[in-house]
Amino acid sequence: MVHPRQICGFDWSESIEEHLAPHRITFWEIEEVFWNEPAWARDRDDEPGDYFMIGKTGSGRKLTIVVTIDAVKDLLRVITGWDSDSEERAKYFDE
């Protein structure tokens, strides 16, 4: 399987944007995290995502985004996301 940092874009849909709206996360913020060299962690095999993308937006917001790789389109598909919790902040941002 290709690593998500080798992918150059996202497969966006209206349904995922609607899903992220209650989390107050926009697709622009997710793209910023992607281009700001995030940390990547494998998701568990029994979960729908392939990887966690953990990083900062341009304004410094710390987000954890679950993605899967669409090998056919060679794009990332966002499953869900949230503001990084205290455990993630300690591990990935030294807080």
PDB file of N, CA and C in Angstrom:
ATOM      1  N   MET A   1       0.841  -1.187   0.000  1.00  0.00           N
ATOM      2  CA  MET A   1       0.000   0.000   0.000  1.00  0.00           C
ATOM      3  C   MET A   1       0.878   1.238   0.000  1.00  0.00           C
ATOM      4  N   VAL A   2       0.486   2.213  -0.756  1.00  0.00           N
ATOM      5  CA  VAL A   2       1.199   3.475  -0.843  1.00  0.00           C
ATOM      6  C   VAL A   2       0.990   4.251   0.470  1.00  0.00           C
ATOM      7  N   HIS A   3       1.982   5.026   0.887  1.00  0.00           N
ATOM      8  CA  HIS A   3       1.852   5.847   2.088  1.00  0.00           C
ATOM      9  C   HIS A   3       1.092   7.119   1.724  1.00  0.00           C
ATOM     10  N   PRO A   4       0.238   7.628   2.620  1.00  0.00           N
ATOM     11  CA  PRO A   4      -0.564   8.810   2.275  1.00  0.00           C
ATOM     12  C   PRO A   4       0.245  10.060   1.953  1.00  0.00           C
ATOM     13  N   ARG A   5       1.463  10.172   2.444  1.00  0.00           N
ATOM     14  CA  ARG A   5       2.245  11.368   2.106  1.00  0.00           C
ATOM     15  C   ARG A   5       2.672  11.367   0.634  1.00  0.00           C
ATOM     16  N   GLN A   6       2.517  10.217  -0.041  1.00  0.00           N
ATOM     17  CA  GLN A   6       2.832  10.135  -1.466  1.00  0.00           C
ATOM     18  C   GLN A   6       1.639  10.534  -2.340  1.00  0.00           C
ATOM     19  N   ILE A   7       0.488  10.743  -1.738  1.00  0.00           N
ATOM     20  CA  ILE A   7      -0.718  11.149  -2.441  1.00  0.00           C
ATOM     21  C   ILE A   7      -0.719  12.680  -2.532  1.00  0.00           C
ATOM     22  N   CYS A   8      -1.241  13.214  -3.602  1.00  0.00           N
ATOM     23  CA  CYS A   8      -1.183  14.675  -3.801  1.00  0.00           C
ATOM     24  C   CYS A   8      -2.531  15.371  -3.743  1.00  0.00           C
ATOM     25  N   GLY A   9      -3.557  14.706  -3.239  1.00  0.00           N
ATOM     26  CA  GLY A   9      -4.841  15.382  -3.180  1.00  0.00           C
ATOM     27  C   GLY A   9      -5.899  14.579  -2.462  1.00  0.00           C
ATOM     28  N   PHE A  10      -7.087  15.171  -2.372  1.00  0.00           N
ATOM     29  CA  PHE A  10      -8.203  14.582  -1.658  1.00  0.00           C
ATOM     30  C   PHE A  10      -9.379  14.370  -2.583  1.00  0.00           C
ATOM     31  N   ASP A  11     -10.170  13.370  -2.277  1.00  0.00           N
ATOM     32  CA  ASP A  11     -11.438  13.108  -2.945  1.00  0.00           C
ATOM     33  C   ASP A  11     -12.525  13.691  -2.045  1.00  0.00           C
ATOM     34  N   TRP A  12     -12.954  14.930  -2.337  1.00  0.00           N
ATOM     35  CA  TRP A  12     -13.928  15.626  -1.499  1.00  0.00           C
ATOM     36  C   TRP A  12     -15.343  15.319  -1.949  1.00  0.00           C
ATOM     37  N   SER A  13     -16.230  15.226  -0.963  1.00  0.00           N
ATOM     38  CA  SER A  13     -17.649  15.052  -1.271  1.00  0.00           C
ATOM     39  C   SER A  13     -18.450  15.957  -0.352  1.00  0.00           C
ATOM     40  N   GLU A  14     -19.642  16.277  -0.784  1.00  0.00           N
ATOM     41  CA  GLU A  14     -20.509  17.117   0.031  1.00  0.00           C
ATOM     42  C   GLU A  14     -20.831  16.427   1.355  1.00  0.00           C
ATOM     43  N   SER A  15     -20.971  15.102   1.323  1.00  0.00           N
ATOM     44  CA  SER A  15     -21.329  14.384   2.551  1.00  0.00           C
ATOM     45  C   SER A  15     -20.227  14.472   3.611  1.00  0.00           C
ATOM     46  N   ILE A  16     -18.962  14.429   3.220  1.00  0.00           N
ATOM     47  CA  ILE A  16     -17.898  14.533   4.221  1.00  0.00           C
ATOM     48  C   ILE A  16     -17.815  15.962   4.745  1.00  0.00           C
ATOM     49  N   GLU A  17     -18.046  16.945   3.895  1.00  0.00           N
ATOM     50  CA  GLU A  17     -18.051  18.333   4.367  1.00  0.00           C
ATOM     51  C   GLU A  17     -19.187  18.535   5.371  1.00  0.00           C
ATOM     52  N   GLU A  18     -20.338  17.922   5.121  1.00  0.00           N
ATOM     53  CA  GLU A  18     -21.456  18.000   6.070  1.00  0.00           C
ATOM     54  C   GLU A  18     -21.107  17.289   7.374  1.00  0.00           C
ATOM     55  N   HIS A  19     -20.414  16.157   7.264  1.00  0.00           N
ATOM     56  CA  HIS A  19     -20.010  15.412   8.465  1.00  0.00           C
ATOM     57  C   HIS A  19     -19.029  16.228   9.316  1.00  0.00           C
ATOM     58  N   LEU A  20     -18.143  16.964   8.690  1.00  0.00           N
ATOM     59  CA  LEU A  20     -17.131  17.736   9.417  1.00  0.00           C
ATOM     60  C   LEU A  20     -17.677  19.055   9.975  1.00  0.00           C
ATOM     61  N   ALA A  21     -18.803  19.526   9.455  1.00  0.00           N
ATOM     62  CA  ALA A  21     -19.355  20.814   9.881  1.00  0.00           C
ATOM     63  C   ALA A  21     -19.592  20.899  11.392  1.00  0.00           C
ATOM     64  N   PRO A  22     -20.177  19.881  12.048  1.00  0.00           N
ATOM     65  CA  PRO A  22     -20.353  19.976  13.505  1.00  0.00           C
ATOM     66  C   PRO A  22     -19.027  20.041  14.271  1.00  0.00           C
ATOM     67  N   HIS A  23     -17.963  19.559  13.662  1.00  0.00           N
ATOM     68  CA  HIS A  23     -16.624  19.625  14.259  1.00  0.00           C
ATOM     69  C   HIS A  23     -15.956  20.969  13.960  1.00  0.00           C
ATOM     70  N   ARG A  24     -16.648  21.801  13.163  1.00  0.00           N
ATOM     71  CA  ARG A  24     -16.140  23.110  12.729  1.00  0.00           C
ATOM     72  C   ARG A  24     -14.797  22.970  11.999  1.00  0.00           C
ATOM     73  N   ILE A  25     -14.682  21.930  11.178  1.00  0.00           N
ATOM     74  CA  ILE A  25     -13.471  21.699  10.380  1.00  0.00           C
ATOM     75  C   ILE A  25     -13.839  21.891   8.915  1.00  0.00           C
ATOM     76  N   THR A  26     -13.059  22.704   8.218  1.00  0.00           N
ATOM     77  CA  THR A  26     -13.292  22.913   6.789  1.00  0.00           C
ATOM     78  C   THR A  26     -12.286  22.093   5.975  1.00  0.00           C
ATOM     79  N   PHE A  27     -12.634  21.874   4.716  1.00  0.00           N
ATOM     80  CA  PHE A  27     -11.703  21.137   3.862  1.00  0.00           C
ATOM     81  C   PHE A  27     -10.402  21.907   3.678  1.00  0.00           C
ATOM     82  N   TRP A  28     -10.457  23.252   3.755  1.00  0.00           N
ATOM     83  CA  TRP A  28      -9.234  24.047   3.619  1.00  0.00           C
ATOM     84  C   TRP A  28      -8.274  23.750   4.774  1.00  0.00           C
ATOM     85  N   GLU A  29      -8.834  23.611   5.975  1.00  0.00           N
ATOM     86  CA  GLU A  29      -7.982  23.313   7.133  1.00  0.00           C
ATOM     87  C   GLU A  29      -7.317  21.943   6.984  1.00  0.00           C
ATOM     88  N   ILE A  30      -8.061  20.985   6.476  1.00  0.00           N
ATOM     89  CA  ILE A  30      -7.495  19.647   6.284  1.00  0.00           C
ATOM     90  C   ILE A  30      -6.375  19.701   5.246  1.00  0.00           C
ATOM     91  N   GLU A  31      -6.576  20.433   4.193  1.00  0.00           N
ATOM     92  CA  GLU A  31      -5.520  20.565   3.183  1.00  0.00           C
ATOM     93  C   GLU A  31      -4.304  21.282   3.760  1.00  0.00           C
ATOM     94  N   GLU A  32      -4.523  22.284   4.611  1.00  0.00           N
ATOM     95  CA  GLU A  32      -3.396  22.960   5.258  1.00  0.00           C
ATOM     96  C   GLU A  32      -2.603  21.982   6.116  1.00  0.00           C
ATOM     97  N   VAL A  33      -3.300  21.166   6.895  1.00  0.00           N
ATOM     98  CA  VAL A  33      -2.614  20.165   7.722  1.00  0.00           C
ATOM     99  C   VAL A  33      -1.767  19.256   6.831  1.00  0.00           C
ATOM    100  N   PHE A  34      -2.362  18.796   5.730  1.00  0.00           N
ATOM    101  CA  PHE A  34      -1.654  17.900   4.811  1.00  0.00           C
ATOM    102  C   PHE A  34      -0.366  18.542   4.283  1.00  0.00           C
ATOM    103  N   TRP A  35      -0.427  19.802   3.876  1.00  0.00           N
ATOM    104  CA  TRP A  35       0.738  20.468   3.295  1.00  0.00           C
ATOM    105  C   TRP A  35       1.723  20.970   4.350  1.00  0.00           C
ATOM    106  N   ASN A  36       1.329  20.955   5.632  1.00  0.00           N
ATOM    107  CA  ASN A  36       2.222  21.378   6.710  1.00  0.00           C
ATOM    108  C   ASN A  36       2.976  20.207   7.345  1.00  0.00           C
ATOM    109  N   GLU A  37       3.188  19.153   6.589  1.00  0.00           N
ATOM    110  CA  GLU A  37       3.977  17.992   7.007  1.00  0.00           C
ATOM    111  C   GLU A  37       3.489  17.387   8.323  1.00  0.00           C
ATOM    112  N   PRO A  38       2.300  16.781   8.304  1.00  0.00           N
ATOM    113  CA  PRO A  38       1.748  16.189   9.510  1.00  0.00           C
ATOM    114  C   PRO A  38       2.453  14.893   9.908  1.00  0.00           C
ATOM    115  N   ALA A  39       2.163  14.442  11.108  1.00  0.00           N
ATOM    116  CA  ALA A  39       2.571  13.103  11.541  1.00  0.00           C
ATOM    117  C   ALA A  39       1.510  12.134  11.003  1.00  0.00           C
ATOM    118  N   TRP A  40       1.940  10.920  10.720  1.00  0.00           N
ATOM    119  CA  TRP A  40       1.023   9.887  10.229  1.00  0.00           C
ATOM    120  C   TRP A  40       1.087   8.689  11.165  1.00  0.00           C
ATOM    121  N   ALA A  41      -0.069   8.152  11.513  1.00  0.00           N
ATOM    122  CA  ALA A  41      -0.138   6.952  12.355  1.00  0.00           C
ATOM    123  C   ALA A  41      -1.147   5.998  11.725  1.00  0.00           C
ATOM    124  N   ARG A  42      -0.782   4.726  11.673  1.00  0.00           N
ATOM    125  CA  ARG A  42      -1.689   3.718  11.116  1.00  0.00           C
ATOM    126  C   ARG A  42      -2.899   3.560  12.021  1.00  0.00           C
ATOM    127  N   ASP A  43      -4.063   3.434  11.421  1.00  0.00           N
ATOM    128  CA  ASP A  43      -5.279   3.140  12.162  1.00  0.00           C
ATOM    129  C   ASP A  43      -5.343   1.627  12.384  1.00  0.00           C
ATOM    130  N   ARG A  44      -6.145   1.206  13.331  1.00  0.00           N
ATOM    131  CA  ARG A  44      -6.307  -0.229  13.582  1.00  0.00           C
ATOM    132  C   ARG A  44      -6.999  -0.889  12.398  1.00  0.00           C
ATOM    133  N   ASP A  45      -6.703  -2.162  12.179  1.00  0.00           N
ATOM    134  CA  ASP A  45      -7.269  -2.886  11.043  1.00  0.00           C
ATOM    135  C   ASP A  45      -8.789  -2.977  11.096  1.00  0.00           C
ATOM    136  N   ASP A  46      -9.373  -2.951  12.292  1.00  0.00           N
ATOM    137  CA  ASP A  46     -10.823  -3.098  12.410  1.00  0.00           C
ATOM    138  C   ASP A  46     -11.572  -1.777  12.310  1.00  0.00           C
ATOM    139  N   GLU A  47     -10.876  -0.707  11.987  1.00  0.00           N
ATOM    140  CA  GLU A  47     -11.483   0.617  11.845  1.00  0.00           C
ATOM    141  C   GLU A  47     -11.581   0.977  10.356  1.00  0.00           C
ATOM    142  N   PRO A  48     -12.505   1.903  10.018  1.00  0.00           N
ATOM    143  CA  PRO A  48     -12.700   2.232   8.592  1.00  0.00           C
ATOM    144  C   PRO A  48     -11.569   3.033   7.953  1.00  0.00           C
ATOM    145  N   GLY A  49     -10.773   3.734   8.731  1.00  0.00           N
ATOM    146  CA  GLY A  49      -9.693   4.528   8.162  1.00  0.00           C
ATOM    147  C   GLY A  49      -8.400   3.737   8.035  1.00  0.00           C
ATOM    148  N   ASP A  50      -7.503   4.252   7.194  1.00  0.00           N
ATOM    149  CA  ASP A  50      -6.182   3.649   7.043  1.00  0.00           C
ATOM    150  C   ASP A  50      -5.146   4.350   7.924  1.00  0.00           C
ATOM    151  N   TYR A  51      -5.258   5.679   8.032  1.00  0.00           N
ATOM    152  CA  TYR A  51      -4.259   6.476   8.747  1.00  0.00           C
ATOM    153  C   TYR A  51      -4.911   7.618   9.518  1.00  0.00           C
ATOM    154  N   PHE A  52      -4.209   8.032  10.589  1.00  0.00           N
ATOM    155  CA  PHE A  52      -4.500   9.288  11.266  1.00  0.00           C
ATOM    156  C   PHE A  52      -3.494  10.298  10.725  1.00  0.00           C
ATOM    157  N   MET A  53      -3.957  11.465  10.363  1.00  0.00           N
ATOM    158  CA  MET A  53      -3.106  12.571   9.948  1.00  0.00           C
ATOM    159  C   MET A  53      -3.202  13.597  11.079  1.00  0.00           C
ATOM    160  N   ILE A  54      -2.095  13.847  11.770  1.00  0.00           N
ATOM    161  CA  ILE A  54      -2.096  14.718  12.930  1.00  0.00           C
ATOM    162  C   ILE A  54      -1.166  15.893  12.664  1.00  0.00           C
ATOM    163  N   GLY A  55      -1.730  17.103  12.681  1.00  0.00           N
ATOM    164  CA  GLY A  55      -0.890  18.256  12.388  1.00  0.00           C
ATOM    165  C   GLY A  55      -1.597  19.564  12.641  1.00  0.00           C
ATOM    166  N   LYS A  56      -0.968  20.641  12.176  1.00  0.00           N
ATOM    167  CA  LYS A  56      -1.449  21.996  12.420  1.00  0.00           C
ATOM    168  C   LYS A  56      -1.923  22.657  11.128  1.00  0.00           C
ATOM    169  N   THR A  57      -2.935  23.496  11.289  1.00  0.00           N
ATOM    170  CA  THR A  57      -3.370  24.348  10.184  1.00  0.00           C
ATOM    171  C   THR A  57      -2.422  25.539  10.105  1.00  0.00           C
ATOM    172  N   GLY A  58      -2.608  26.364   9.115  1.00  0.00           N
ATOM    173  CA  GLY A  58      -1.792  27.571   8.983  1.00  0.00           C
ATOM    174  C   GLY A  58      -1.941  28.510  10.169  1.00  0.00           C
ATOM    175  N   SER A  59      -3.108  28.493  10.803  1.00  0.00           N
ATOM    176  CA  SER A  59      -3.332  29.363  11.961  1.00  0.00           C
ATOM    177  C   SER A  59      -2.920  28.703  13.283  1.00  0.00           C
ATOM    178  N   GLY A  60      -2.436  27.448  13.203  1.00  0.00           N
ATOM    179  CA  GLY A  60      -1.961  26.763  14.405  1.00  0.00           C
ATOM    180  C   GLY A  60      -2.968  25.838  15.067  1.00  0.00           C
ATOM    181  N   ARG A  61      -4.150  25.697  14.488  1.00  0.00           N
ATOM    182  CA  ARG A  61      -5.135  24.762  15.040  1.00  0.00           C
ATOM    183  C   ARG A  61      -4.609  23.344  14.876  1.00  0.00           C
ATOM    184  N   LYS A  62      -4.685  22.551  15.938  1.00  0.00           N
ATOM    185  CA  LYS A  62      -4.167  21.183  15.915  1.00  0.00           C
ATOM    186  C   LYS A  62      -5.323  20.220  15.661  1.00  0.00           C
ATOM    187  N   LEU A  63      -5.218  19.470  14.564  1.00  0.00           N
ATOM    188  CA  LEU A  63      -6.291  18.573  14.148  1.00  0.00           C
ATOM    189  C   LEU A  63      -5.796  17.144  13.987  1.00  0.00           C
ATOM    190  N   THR A  64      -6.696  16.220  14.244  1.00  0.00           N
ATOM    191  CA  THR A  64      -6.482  14.806  13.961  1.00  0.00           C
ATOM    192  C   THR A  64      -7.541  14.418  12.938  1.00  0.00           C
ATOM    193  N   ILE A  65      -7.089  13.922  11.798  1.00  0.00           N
ATOM    194  CA  ILE A  65      -7.975  13.594  10.685  1.00  0.00           C
ATOM    195  C   ILE A  65      -7.771  12.120  10.326  1.00  0.00           C
ATOM    196  N   VAL A  66      -8.877  11.388  10.195  1.00  0.00           N
ATOM    197  CA  VAL A  66      -8.815   9.992   9.777  1.00  0.00           C
ATOM    198  C   VAL A  66      -9.040   9.939   8.274  1.00  0.00           C
ATOM    199  N   VAL A  67      -8.115   9.286   7.565  1.00  0.00           N
ATOM    200  CA  VAL A  67      -8.211   9.192   6.105  1.00  0.00           C
ATOM    201  C   VAL A  67      -8.077   7.752   5.651  1.00  0.00           C
ATOM    202  N   THR A  68      -8.587   7.504   4.487  1.00  0.00           N
ATOM    203  CA  THR A  68      -8.373   6.239   3.806  1.00  0.00           C
ATOM    204  C   THR A  68      -7.802   6.560   2.425  1.00  0.00           C
ATOM    205  N   ILE A  69      -7.095   5.625   1.854  1.00  0.00           N
ATOM    206  CA  ILE A  69      -6.484   5.831   0.535  1.00  0.00           C
ATOM    207  C   ILE A  69      -7.373   5.212  -0.533  1.00  0.00           C
ATOM    208  N   ASP A  70      -7.763   6.019  -1.500  1.00  0.00           N
ATOM    209  CA  ASP A  70      -8.496   5.525  -2.656  1.00  0.00           C
ATOM    210  C   ASP A  70      -7.459   5.191  -3.717  1.00  0.00           C
ATOM    211  N   ALA A  71      -7.087   3.922  -3.775  1.00  0.00           N
ATOM    212  CA  ALA A  71      -6.010   3.494  -4.679  1.00  0.00           C
ATOM    213  C   ALA A  71      -6.391   3.663  -6.145  1.00  0.00           C
ATOM    214  N   VAL A  72      -7.670   3.591  -6.460  1.00  0.00           N
ATOM    215  CA  VAL A  72      -8.110   3.723  -7.852  1.00  0.00           C
ATOM    216  C   VAL A  72      -7.902   5.156  -8.337  1.00  0.00           C
ATOM    217  N   LYS A  73      -8.306   6.132  -7.507  1.00  0.00           N
ATOM    218  CA  LYS A  73      -8.179   7.541  -7.883  1.00  0.00           C
ATOM    219  C   LYS A  73      -6.856   8.144  -7.441  1.00  0.00           C
ATOM    220  N   ASP A  74      -6.100   7.399  -6.613  1.00  0.00           N
ATOM    221  CA  ASP A  74      -4.832   7.889  -6.070  1.00  0.00           C
ATOM    222  C   ASP A  74      -5.047   9.188  -5.280  1.00  0.00           C
ATOM    223  N   LEU A  75      -6.102   9.162  -4.444  1.00  0.00           N
ATOM    224  CA  LEU A  75      -6.457  10.311  -3.626  1.00  0.00           C
ATOM    225  C   LEU A  75      -6.741   9.856  -2.196  1.00  0.00           C
ATOM    226  N   LEU A  76      -6.706  10.803  -1.267  1.00  0.00           N
ATOM    227  CA  LEU A  76      -7.096  10.526   0.107  1.00  0.00           C
ATOM    228  C   LEU A  76      -8.565  10.868   0.277  1.00  0.00           C
ATOM    229  N   ARG A  77      -9.263  10.037   1.039  1.00  0.00           N
ATOM    230  CA  ARG A  77     -10.658  10.306   1.367  1.00  0.00           C
ATOM    231  C   ARG A  77     -10.736  10.476   2.879  1.00  0.00           C
ATOM    232  N   VAL A  78     -11.292  11.597   3.306  1.00  0.00           N
ATOM    233  CA  VAL A  78     -11.439  11.879   4.727  1.00  0.00           C
ATOM    234  C   VAL A  78     -12.626  11.101   5.277  1.00  0.00           C
ATOM    235  N   ILE A  79     -12.415  10.457   6.438  1.00  0.00           N
ATOM    236  CA  ILE A  79     -13.480   9.724   7.115  1.00  0.00           C
ATOM    237  C   ILE A  79     -14.111  10.611   8.187  1.00  0.00           C
ATOM    238  N   THR A  80     -13.267  11.207   9.027  1.00  0.00           N
ATOM    239  CA  THR A  80     -13.720  12.096  10.091  1.00  0.00           C
ATOM    240  C   THR A  80     -12.537  12.900  10.617  1.00  0.00           C
ATOM    241  N   GLY A  81     -12.791  13.779  11.556  1.00  0.00           N
ATOM    242  CA  GLY A  81     -11.715  14.575  12.138  1.00  0.00           C
ATOM    243  C   GLY A  81     -12.179  15.267  13.403  1.00  0.00           C
ATOM    244  N   TRP A  82     -11.213  15.740  14.192  1.00  0.00           N
ATOM    245  CA  TRP A  82     -11.516  16.435  15.437  1.00  0.00           C
ATOM    246  C   TRP A  82     -10.324  17.268  15.849  1.00  0.00           C
ATOM    247  N   ASP A  83     -10.563  18.182  16.799  1.00  0.00           N
ATOM    248  CA  ASP A  83      -9.451  18.909  17.397  1.00  0.00           C
ATOM    249  C   ASP A  83      -8.644  17.894  18.195  1.00  0.00           C
ATOM    250  N   SER A  84      -7.343  17.905  18.014  1.00  0.00           N
ATOM    251  CA  SER A  84      -6.485  16.933  18.700  1.00  0.00           C
ATOM    252  C   SER A  84      -6.728  17.006  20.204  1.00  0.00           C
ATOM    253  N   ASP A  85      -6.859  15.828  20.824  1.00  0.00           N
ATOM    254  CA  ASP A  85      -7.106  15.777  22.265  1.00  0.00           C
ATOM    255  C   ASP A  85      -5.793  15.895  23.040  1.00  0.00           C
ATOM    256  N   SER A  86      -5.883  15.913  24.354  1.00  0.00           N
ATOM    257  CA  SER A  86      -4.693  16.133  25.185  1.00  0.00           C
ATOM    258  C   SER A  86      -3.644  15.037  24.994  1.00  0.00           C
ATOM    259  N   GLU A  87      -4.070  13.795  24.808  1.00  0.00           N
ATOM    260  CA  GLU A  87      -3.113  12.699  24.574  1.00  0.00           C
ATOM    261  C   GLU A  87      -2.383  12.888  23.248  1.00  0.00           C
ATOM    262  N   GLU A  88      -3.118  13.259  22.207  1.00  0.00           N
ATOM    263  CA  GLU A  88      -2.503  13.498  20.891  1.00  0.00           C
ATOM    264  C   GLU A  88      -1.583  14.713  20.940  1.00  0.00           C
ATOM    265  N   ARG A  89      -1.991  15.759  21.648  1.00  0.00           N
ATOM    266  CA  ARG A  89      -1.159  16.956  21.778  1.00  0.00           C
ATOM    267  C   ARG A  89       0.152  16.621  22.493  1.00  0.00           C
ATOM    268  N   ALA A  90       0.071  15.791  23.520  1.00  0.00           N
ATOM    269  CA  ALA A  90       1.290  15.413  24.258  1.00  0.00           C
ATOM    270  C   ALA A  90       2.224  14.593  23.378  1.00  0.00           C
ATOM    271  N   LYS A  91       1.654  13.679  22.610  1.00  0.00           N
ATOM    272  CA  LYS A  91       2.477  12.784  21.790  1.00  0.00           C
ATOM    273  C   LYS A  91       3.054  13.468  20.556  1.00  0.00           C
ATOM    274  N   TYR A  92       2.240  14.273  19.875  1.00  0.00           N
ATOM    275  CA  TYR A  92       2.661  14.821  18.586  1.00  0.00           C
ATOM    276  C   TYR A  92       3.093  16.284  18.607  1.00  0.00           C
ATOM    277  N   PHE A  93       2.738  17.015  19.673  1.00  0.00           N
ATOM    278  CA  PHE A  93       3.057  18.428  19.718  1.00  0.00           C
ATOM    279  C   PHE A  93       3.856  18.795  20.962  1.00  0.00           C
ATOM    280  N   ASP A  94       4.292  17.804  21.742  1.00  0.00           N
ATOM    281  CA  ASP A  94       5.095  18.034  22.952  1.00  0.00           C
ATOM    282  C   ASP A  94       4.417  19.005  23.911  1.00  0.00           C
ATOM    283  N   GLU A  95       3.109  18.872  24.070  1.00  0.00           N
ATOM    284  CA  GLU A  95       2.397  19.751  25.011  1.00  0.00           C
ATOM    285  C   GLU A  95       2.113  19.016  26.296  1.00  0.00           C
TER     286      GLU A  95
END
